[in-house]
Amino acid sequence: MTTTLKQRLHDDLTTAIKSRDELRSATLRLTLSAITKEEVAGSTARQLSDDEVLKVITREAKKRREAAEAFEQGGRPESAERERAEGELLAAYLPKQLGDEELAELVRAAIAETGAEGPKAMGAVMKAVNPKVAGQAEGGRVAAEVKKQLAG
């Protein structure tokens, strides 16, 4: 039987608690509670698929990155460092991120596929490229690349 991503998080949490790894256990606890919150949101409770769990982990990692930037700007480097460490820990559960060149190539292919021209076609290109990059690049990065290529 294959283990689900959520089960892997639970197993890693147990290991972290046993080894007294405070950073890892706190991060995994917060992530698992975000997953549980997502599962019970709405009218009926449900189990999240691995893809949905990945989206939650991605969102949590993004929160850590943004918090680290905010702490950095606020002159709190130790808090920023902790947020960065938590973000890196969560990144280990995410698929490998696309490099700039790989992303640019996928966007070029989507533009060719849709025959899009000019900035007004951005929505059509985003619709075509998003399923191909799912979880491998942040939406903001994808949008910036599409905008750059459509303007050029």
N, C-alpha and C. Protein backbone atom coordinates (compact mmCIF):
# COMPACT_ATOMS: atom_id res chain seq x y z
N MET A 1 0.83 -1.18 0.00
CA MET A 1 0.00 0.00 0.00
C MET A 1 0.88 1.25 0.00
N THR A 2 0.56 2.19 -0.85
CA THR A 2 1.34 3.41 -0.89
C THR A 2 0.86 4.36 0.21
N THR A 3 1.80 5.06 0.79
CA THR A 3 1.41 6.00 1.83
C THR A 3 1.05 7.34 1.20
N THR A 4 0.06 7.97 1.75
CA THR A 4 -0.35 9.26 1.24
C THR A 4 0.59 10.32 1.78
N LEU A 5 0.53 11.47 1.17
CA LEU A 5 1.38 12.58 1.61
C LEU A 5 1.03 12.98 3.05
N LYS A 6 -0.25 12.98 3.37
CA LYS A 6 -0.68 13.33 4.73
C LYS A 6 -0.12 12.32 5.73
N GLN A 7 -0.15 11.05 5.37
CA GLN A 7 0.38 10.01 6.27
C GLN A 7 1.88 10.20 6.46
N ARG A 8 2.58 10.56 5.37
CA ARG A 8 4.02 10.81 5.45
C ARG A 8 4.30 11.98 6.40
N LEU A 9 3.47 13.02 6.35
CA LEU A 9 3.63 14.16 7.27
C LEU A 9 3.44 13.70 8.72
N HIS A 10 2.42 12.87 8.95
CA HIS A 10 2.18 12.34 10.31
C HIS A 10 3.37 11.52 10.79
N ASP A 11 3.88 10.64 9.92
CA ASP A 11 5.02 9.80 10.29
C ASP A 11 6.25 10.65 10.61
N ASP A 12 6.48 11.67 9.77
CA ASP A 12 7.63 12.56 10.00
C ASP A 12 7.46 13.35 11.29
N LEU A 13 6.21 13.73 11.61
CA LEU A 13 5.94 14.44 12.86
C LEU A 13 6.28 13.55 14.05
N THR A 14 5.86 12.31 14.00
CA THR A 14 6.15 11.36 15.08
C THR A 14 7.66 11.23 15.27
N THR A 15 8.39 11.08 14.17
CA THR A 15 9.85 10.96 14.22
C THR A 15 10.47 12.23 14.81
N ALA A 16 9.97 13.40 14.39
CA ALA A 16 10.50 14.67 14.88
C ALA A 16 10.27 14.83 16.38
N ILE A 17 9.09 14.39 16.84
CA ILE A 17 8.79 14.50 18.27
C ILE A 17 9.72 13.58 19.06
N LYS A 18 9.91 12.37 18.57
CA LYS A 18 10.78 11.41 19.27
C LYS A 18 12.21 11.90 19.33
N SER A 19 12.66 12.58 18.26
CA SER A 19 14.05 13.05 18.24
C SER A 19 14.17 14.47 18.83
N ARG A 20 13.08 14.99 19.36
CA ARG A 20 13.04 16.31 19.99
C ARG A 20 13.49 17.43 19.04
N ASP A 21 13.09 17.30 17.78
CA ASP A 21 13.39 18.32 16.76
C ASP A 21 12.25 19.34 16.80
N GLU A 22 12.45 20.41 17.59
CA GLU A 22 11.38 21.37 17.84
C GLU A 22 10.92 22.08 16.58
N LEU A 23 11.85 22.51 15.74
CA LEU A 23 11.51 23.23 14.51
C LEU A 23 10.65 22.37 13.59
N ARG A 24 11.11 21.15 13.34
CA ARG A 24 10.39 20.25 12.44
C ARG A 24 9.02 19.88 13.01
N SER A 25 8.94 19.56 14.30
CA SER A 25 7.66 19.15 14.86
C SER A 25 6.67 20.32 14.87
N ALA A 26 7.12 21.53 15.20
CA ALA A 26 6.21 22.68 15.21
C ALA A 26 5.71 22.98 13.79
N THR A 27 6.61 22.93 12.81
CA THR A 27 6.23 23.20 11.43
C THR A 27 5.23 22.17 10.92
N LEU A 28 5.51 20.89 11.17
CA LEU A 28 4.61 19.83 10.70
C LEU A 28 3.26 19.89 11.41
N ARG A 29 3.27 20.25 12.69
CA ARG A 29 2.00 20.39 13.41
C ARG A 29 1.13 21.47 12.77
N LEU A 30 1.75 22.64 12.49
CA LEU A 30 1.00 23.73 11.86
C LEU A 30 0.47 23.33 10.49
N THR A 31 1.29 22.63 9.73
CA THR A 31 0.88 22.21 8.39
C THR A 31 -0.25 21.20 8.46
N LEU A 32 -0.14 20.24 9.35
CA LEU A 32 -1.20 19.24 9.51
C LEU A 32 -2.50 19.89 9.99
N SER A 33 -2.39 20.89 10.84
CA SER A 33 -3.63 21.56 11.29
C SER A 33 -4.25 22.35 10.14
N ALA A 34 -3.42 22.91 9.25
CA ALA A 34 -3.95 23.61 8.07
C ALA A 34 -4.66 22.61 7.15
N ILE A 35 -4.11 21.41 7.03
CA ILE A 35 -4.73 20.37 6.20
C ILE A 35 -6.06 19.95 6.82
N THR A 36 -6.08 19.74 8.14
CA THR A 36 -7.32 19.35 8.82
C THR A 36 -8.37 20.44 8.68
N LYS A 37 -7.95 21.69 8.82
CA LYS A 37 -8.87 22.82 8.67
C LYS A 37 -9.50 22.81 7.27
N GLU A 38 -8.69 22.52 6.28
CA GLU A 38 -9.17 22.44 4.89
C GLU A 38 -10.16 21.29 4.73
N GLU A 39 -9.88 20.17 5.42
CA GLU A 39 -10.74 18.99 5.31
C GLU A 39 -12.13 19.23 5.91
N VAL A 40 -12.20 20.01 6.97
CA VAL A 40 -13.49 20.22 7.62
C VAL A 40 -14.19 21.50 7.15
N ALA A 41 -13.53 22.26 6.27
CA ALA A 41 -14.17 23.46 5.72
C ALA A 41 -15.30 23.04 4.80
N GLY A 42 -16.31 23.86 4.71
CA GLY A 42 -17.44 23.52 3.85
C GLY A 42 -18.51 22.79 4.62
N SER A 43 -19.48 22.26 3.89
CA SER A 43 -20.64 21.66 4.54
C SER A 43 -20.38 20.24 5.04
N THR A 44 -19.46 19.50 4.38
CA THR A 44 -19.17 18.14 4.83
C THR A 44 -17.66 17.92 4.94
N ALA A 45 -17.27 17.16 5.94
CA ALA A 45 -15.86 16.83 6.12
C ALA A 45 -15.47 15.81 5.06
N ARG A 46 -14.22 15.90 4.61
CA ARG A 46 -13.76 14.96 3.57
C ARG A 46 -12.26 14.77 3.69
N GLN A 47 -11.75 13.72 3.07
CA GLN A 47 -10.32 13.49 3.00
C GLN A 47 -9.76 14.24 1.80
N LEU A 48 -8.64 14.92 1.99
CA LEU A 48 -8.02 15.62 0.86
C LEU A 48 -7.18 14.64 0.04
N SER A 49 -7.16 14.86 -1.26
CA SER A 49 -6.29 14.05 -2.12
C SER A 49 -4.86 14.56 -1.95
N ASP A 50 -3.89 13.80 -2.45
CA ASP A 50 -2.49 14.24 -2.36
C ASP A 50 -2.30 15.58 -3.06
N ASP A 51 -2.99 15.80 -4.18
CA ASP A 51 -2.87 17.08 -4.90
C ASP A 51 -3.37 18.23 -4.03
N GLU A 52 -4.48 18.01 -3.34
CA GLU A 52 -5.03 19.06 -2.47
C GLU A 52 -4.11 19.32 -1.28
N VAL A 53 -3.52 18.24 -0.74
CA VAL A 53 -2.57 18.38 0.36
C VAL A 53 -1.35 19.18 -0.12
N LEU A 54 -0.90 18.90 -1.34
CA LEU A 54 0.22 19.65 -1.92
C LEU A 54 -0.09 21.13 -2.02
N LYS A 55 -1.32 21.46 -2.40
CA LYS A 55 -1.72 22.87 -2.48
C LYS A 55 -1.66 23.54 -1.12
N VAL A 56 -2.08 22.82 -0.08
CA VAL A 56 -2.03 23.36 1.28
C VAL A 56 -0.57 23.58 1.69
N ILE A 57 0.29 22.61 1.41
CA ILE A 57 1.71 22.73 1.77
C ILE A 57 2.33 23.91 1.00
N THR A 58 1.98 24.05 -0.28
CA THR A 58 2.49 25.16 -1.09
C THR A 58 2.06 26.48 -0.47
N ARG A 59 0.81 26.58 -0.08
CA ARG A 59 0.29 27.81 0.53
C ARG A 59 1.02 28.11 1.84
N GLU A 60 1.25 27.07 2.65
CA GLU A 60 1.96 27.25 3.92
C GLU A 60 3.41 27.71 3.68
N ALA A 61 4.06 27.12 2.68
CA ALA A 61 5.44 27.51 2.36
C ALA A 61 5.49 28.97 1.90
N LYS A 62 4.50 29.36 1.11
CA LYS A 62 4.45 30.75 0.63
C LYS A 62 4.24 31.71 1.81
N LYS A 63 3.40 31.32 2.76
CA LYS A 63 3.19 32.15 3.96
C LYS A 63 4.51 32.35 4.70
N ARG A 64 5.30 31.27 4.81
CA ARG A 64 6.59 31.36 5.52
C ARG A 64 7.53 32.32 4.79
N ARG A 65 7.55 32.23 3.45
CA ARG A 65 8.42 33.11 2.66
C ARG A 65 8.03 34.57 2.85
N GLU A 66 6.73 34.84 2.78
CA GLU A 66 6.25 36.21 2.94
C GLU A 66 6.50 36.72 4.35
N ALA A 67 6.31 35.87 5.36
CA ALA A 67 6.56 36.27 6.74
C ALA A 67 8.04 36.57 6.95
N ALA A 68 8.91 35.76 6.34
CA ALA A 68 10.35 35.99 6.46
C ALA A 68 10.72 37.36 5.89
N GLU A 69 10.14 37.70 4.74
CA GLU A 69 10.41 39.02 4.14
C GLU A 69 9.91 40.13 5.06
N ALA A 70 8.72 39.96 5.63
CA ALA A 70 8.16 40.98 6.52
C ALA A 70 9.02 41.15 7.77
N PHE A 71 9.47 40.05 8.35
CA PHE A 71 10.34 40.13 9.53
C PHE A 71 11.66 40.80 9.18
N GLU A 72 12.19 40.46 8.01
CA GLU A 72 13.45 41.05 7.56
C GLU A 72 13.31 42.57 7.45
N GLN A 73 12.22 43.02 6.84
CA GLN A 73 11.99 44.45 6.69
C GLN A 73 11.71 45.13 8.03
N GLY A 74 11.17 44.37 8.95
CA GLY A 74 10.84 44.90 10.27
C GLY A 74 12.03 44.87 11.23
N GLY A 75 13.18 44.44 10.74
CA GLY A 75 14.37 44.41 11.58
C GLY A 75 14.37 43.29 12.61
N ARG A 76 13.77 42.15 12.26
CA ARG A 76 13.77 41.01 13.18
C ARG A 76 14.40 39.80 12.49
N PRO A 77 15.73 39.82 12.31
CA PRO A 77 16.40 38.76 11.54
C PRO A 77 16.25 37.35 12.11
N GLU A 78 16.17 37.22 13.46
CA GLU A 78 16.04 35.88 14.03
C GLU A 78 14.69 35.27 13.70
N SER A 79 13.63 36.08 13.72
CA SER A 79 12.31 35.58 13.34
C SER A 79 12.27 35.25 11.85
N ALA A 80 12.92 36.09 11.04
CA ALA A 80 12.97 35.85 9.59
C ALA A 80 13.70 34.53 9.31
N GLU A 81 14.77 34.29 10.05
CA GLU A 81 15.55 33.06 9.86
C GLU A 81 14.71 31.83 10.19
N ARG A 82 13.94 31.90 11.25
CA ARG A 82 13.07 30.78 11.64
C ARG A 82 12.02 30.52 10.56
N GLU A 83 11.40 31.57 10.04
CA GLU A 83 10.40 31.41 8.97
C GLU A 83 11.03 30.78 7.74
N ARG A 84 12.24 31.22 7.40
CA ARG A 84 12.95 30.65 6.23
C ARG A 84 13.22 29.17 6.45
N ALA A 85 13.65 28.81 7.65
CA ALA A 85 13.95 27.41 7.97
C ALA A 85 12.68 26.56 7.84
N GLU A 86 11.55 27.10 8.33
CA GLU A 86 10.28 26.36 8.21
C GLU A 86 9.89 26.21 6.74
N GLY A 87 10.08 27.26 5.96
CA GLY A 87 9.77 27.21 4.53
C GLY A 87 10.60 26.17 3.80
N GLU A 88 11.89 26.09 4.13
CA GLU A 88 12.77 25.10 3.51
C GLU A 88 12.35 23.69 3.90
N LEU A 89 11.93 23.53 5.14
CA LEU A 89 11.48 22.24 5.61
C LEU A 89 10.25 21.79 4.81
N LEU A 90 9.32 22.72 4.58
CA LEU A 90 8.11 22.39 3.82
C LEU A 90 8.44 22.15 2.34
N ALA A 91 9.43 22.86 1.83
CA ALA A 91 9.81 22.71 0.42
C ALA A 91 10.24 21.27 0.11
N ALA A 92 10.72 20.56 1.11
CA ALA A 92 11.14 19.17 0.89
C ALA A 92 9.96 18.27 0.50
N TYR A 93 8.74 18.70 0.83
CA TYR A 93 7.54 17.90 0.50
C TYR A 93 6.94 18.29 -0.84
N LEU A 94 7.45 19.37 -1.43
CA LEU A 94 6.90 19.86 -2.69
C LEU A 94 7.68 19.31 -3.86
N PRO A 95 7.04 19.25 -5.05
CA PRO A 95 7.79 18.82 -6.23
C PRO A 95 8.87 19.84 -6.55
N LYS A 96 9.91 19.39 -7.26
CA LYS A 96 11.01 20.28 -7.63
C LYS A 96 10.45 21.45 -8.44
N GLN A 97 10.89 22.66 -8.09
CA GLN A 97 10.42 23.85 -8.78
C GLN A 97 11.09 23.98 -10.14
N LEU A 98 10.34 24.51 -11.09
CA LEU A 98 10.88 24.72 -12.44
C LEU A 98 11.90 25.84 -12.43
N GLY A 99 12.95 25.68 -13.23
CA GLY A 99 13.92 26.75 -13.40
C GLY A 99 13.33 27.80 -14.33
N ASP A 100 13.97 28.97 -14.38
CA ASP A 100 13.47 30.06 -15.22
C ASP A 100 13.38 29.65 -16.68
N GLU A 101 14.39 28.94 -17.17
CA GLU A 101 14.40 28.55 -18.59
C GLU A 101 13.31 27.53 -18.89
N GLU A 102 13.11 26.56 -17.97
CA GLU A 102 12.05 25.56 -18.16
C GLU A 102 10.67 26.23 -18.18
N LEU A 103 10.48 27.18 -17.28
CA LEU A 103 9.21 27.91 -17.22
C LEU A 103 9.00 28.70 -18.50
N ALA A 104 10.03 29.39 -18.95
CA ALA A 104 9.94 30.19 -20.18
C ALA A 104 9.58 29.30 -21.37
N GLU A 105 10.14 28.10 -21.41
CA GLU A 105 9.86 27.17 -22.52
C GLU A 105 8.40 26.71 -22.48
N LEU A 106 7.89 26.39 -21.30
CA LEU A 106 6.49 25.98 -21.18
C LEU A 106 5.55 27.11 -21.60
N VAL A 107 5.88 28.35 -21.22
CA VAL A 107 5.06 29.49 -21.59
C VAL A 107 5.10 29.71 -23.11
N ARG A 108 6.30 29.58 -23.70
CA ARG A 108 6.43 29.70 -25.17
C ARG A 108 5.55 28.68 -25.87
N ALA A 109 5.57 27.45 -25.37
CA ALA A 109 4.76 26.38 -25.97
C ALA A 109 3.27 26.69 -25.83
N ALA A 110 2.86 27.21 -24.68
CA ALA A 110 1.45 27.54 -24.46
C ALA A 110 1.01 28.68 -25.38
N ILE A 111 1.88 29.67 -25.59
CA ILE A 111 1.56 30.78 -26.48
C ILE A 111 1.40 30.28 -27.91
N ALA A 112 2.31 29.40 -28.33
CA ALA A 112 2.23 28.83 -29.68
C ALA A 112 0.96 27.98 -29.83
N GLU A 113 0.65 27.21 -28.79
CA GLU A 113 -0.52 26.32 -28.79
C GLU A 113 -1.83 27.12 -28.89
N THR A 114 -1.91 28.24 -28.19
CA THR A 114 -3.14 29.03 -28.19
C THR A 114 -3.17 30.07 -29.31
N GLY A 115 -2.02 30.33 -29.92
CA GLY A 115 -1.94 31.35 -30.96
C GLY A 115 -2.18 32.75 -30.40
N ALA A 116 -1.86 32.93 -29.13
CA ALA A 116 -2.14 34.19 -28.45
C ALA A 116 -1.18 35.29 -28.88
N GLU A 117 -1.71 36.50 -28.94
CA GLU A 117 -0.88 37.68 -29.23
C GLU A 117 -1.34 38.83 -28.37
N GLY A 118 -0.40 39.57 -27.81
CA GLY A 118 -0.73 40.77 -27.04
C GLY A 118 -1.18 40.46 -25.63
N PRO A 119 -1.14 41.47 -24.77
CA PRO A 119 -1.47 41.31 -23.35
C PRO A 119 -2.91 40.87 -23.08
N LYS A 120 -3.83 41.13 -24.01
CA LYS A 120 -5.22 40.75 -23.78
C LYS A 120 -5.41 39.23 -23.76
N ALA A 121 -4.47 38.50 -24.34
CA ALA A 121 -4.58 37.04 -24.42
C ALA A 121 -4.00 36.34 -23.19
N MET A 122 -3.62 37.11 -22.18
CA MET A 122 -2.97 36.54 -21.01
C MET A 122 -3.81 35.44 -20.34
N GLY A 123 -5.12 35.65 -20.22
CA GLY A 123 -5.99 34.66 -19.58
C GLY A 123 -5.97 33.32 -20.29
N ALA A 124 -6.02 33.37 -21.62
CA ALA A 124 -6.01 32.12 -22.41
C ALA A 124 -4.70 31.37 -22.23
N VAL A 125 -3.59 32.11 -22.23
CA VAL A 125 -2.28 31.48 -22.07
C VAL A 125 -2.14 30.90 -20.66
N MET A 126 -2.59 31.65 -19.65
CA MET A 126 -2.52 31.16 -18.27
C MET A 126 -3.33 29.88 -18.11
N LYS A 127 -4.50 29.83 -18.74
CA LYS A 127 -5.36 28.65 -18.67
C LYS A 127 -4.65 27.44 -19.29
N ALA A 128 -3.89 27.68 -20.36
CA ALA A 128 -3.19 26.58 -21.03
C ALA A 128 -1.95 26.14 -20.25
N VAL A 129 -1.24 27.09 -19.63
CA VAL A 129 0.03 26.75 -19.00
C VAL A 129 -0.11 26.27 -17.55
N ASN A 130 -1.14 26.72 -16.84
CA ASN A 130 -1.28 26.35 -15.42
C ASN A 130 -1.31 24.85 -15.15
N PRO A 131 -2.06 24.04 -15.90
CA PRO A 131 -2.04 22.60 -15.61
C PRO A 131 -0.66 21.97 -15.79
N LYS A 132 0.14 22.53 -16.68
CA LYS A 132 1.47 21.96 -16.95
C LYS A 132 2.48 22.29 -15.85
N VAL A 133 2.28 23.40 -15.16
CA VAL A 133 3.23 23.79 -14.12
C VAL A 133 2.72 23.55 -12.71
N ALA A 134 1.54 22.97 -12.59
CA ALA A 134 0.90 22.78 -11.28
C ALA A 134 1.87 22.34 -10.20
N GLY A 135 2.01 23.17 -9.18
CA GLY A 135 2.86 22.84 -8.04
C GLY A 135 4.34 23.01 -8.28
N GLN A 136 4.75 23.29 -9.52
CA GLN A 136 6.17 23.40 -9.82
C GLN A 136 6.63 24.84 -9.99
N ALA A 137 5.69 25.77 -9.99
CA ALA A 137 6.03 27.19 -10.06
C ALA A 137 4.90 27.99 -9.46
N GLU A 138 5.25 29.05 -8.75
CA GLU A 138 4.24 29.91 -8.14
C GLU A 138 3.48 30.67 -9.21
N GLY A 139 2.20 30.90 -8.96
CA GLY A 139 1.35 31.61 -9.91
C GLY A 139 1.89 32.96 -10.32
N GLY A 140 2.45 33.69 -9.39
CA GLY A 140 3.01 35.01 -9.68
C GLY A 140 4.16 34.93 -10.66
N ARG A 141 5.00 33.93 -10.50
CA ARG A 141 6.13 33.73 -11.42
C ARG A 141 5.63 33.41 -12.82
N VAL A 142 4.62 32.53 -12.89
CA VAL A 142 4.06 32.14 -14.18
C VAL A 142 3.45 33.36 -14.87
N ALA A 143 2.65 34.12 -14.13
CA ALA A 143 1.99 35.30 -14.69
C ALA A 143 3.02 36.31 -15.19
N ALA A 144 4.09 36.51 -14.44
CA ALA A 144 5.12 37.46 -14.85
C ALA A 144 5.79 37.02 -16.16
N GLU A 145 6.04 35.71 -16.28
CA GLU A 145 6.67 35.19 -17.50
C GLU A 145 5.73 35.31 -18.69
N VAL A 146 4.44 35.01 -18.49
CA VAL A 146 3.45 35.13 -19.59
C VAL A 146 3.37 36.59 -20.04
N LYS A 147 3.27 37.49 -19.07
CA LYS A 147 3.17 38.92 -19.37
C LYS A 147 4.41 39.38 -20.15
N LYS A 148 5.59 38.94 -19.72
CA LYS A 148 6.84 39.33 -20.37
C LYS A 148 6.87 38.85 -21.82
N GLN A 149 6.46 37.61 -22.05
CA GLN A 149 6.53 37.06 -23.40
C GLN A 149 5.45 37.64 -24.31
N LEU A 150 4.28 37.94 -23.76
CA LEU A 150 3.22 38.52 -24.58
C LEU A 150 3.53 39.98 -24.95
N ALA A 151 4.22 40.66 -24.05
CA ALA A 151 4.57 42.07 -24.32
C ALA A 151 5.71 42.16 -25.34
N GLY A 152 6.58 41.15 -25.31
CA GLY A 152 7.78 41.17 -26.17
C GLY A 152 7.44 40.74 -27.55
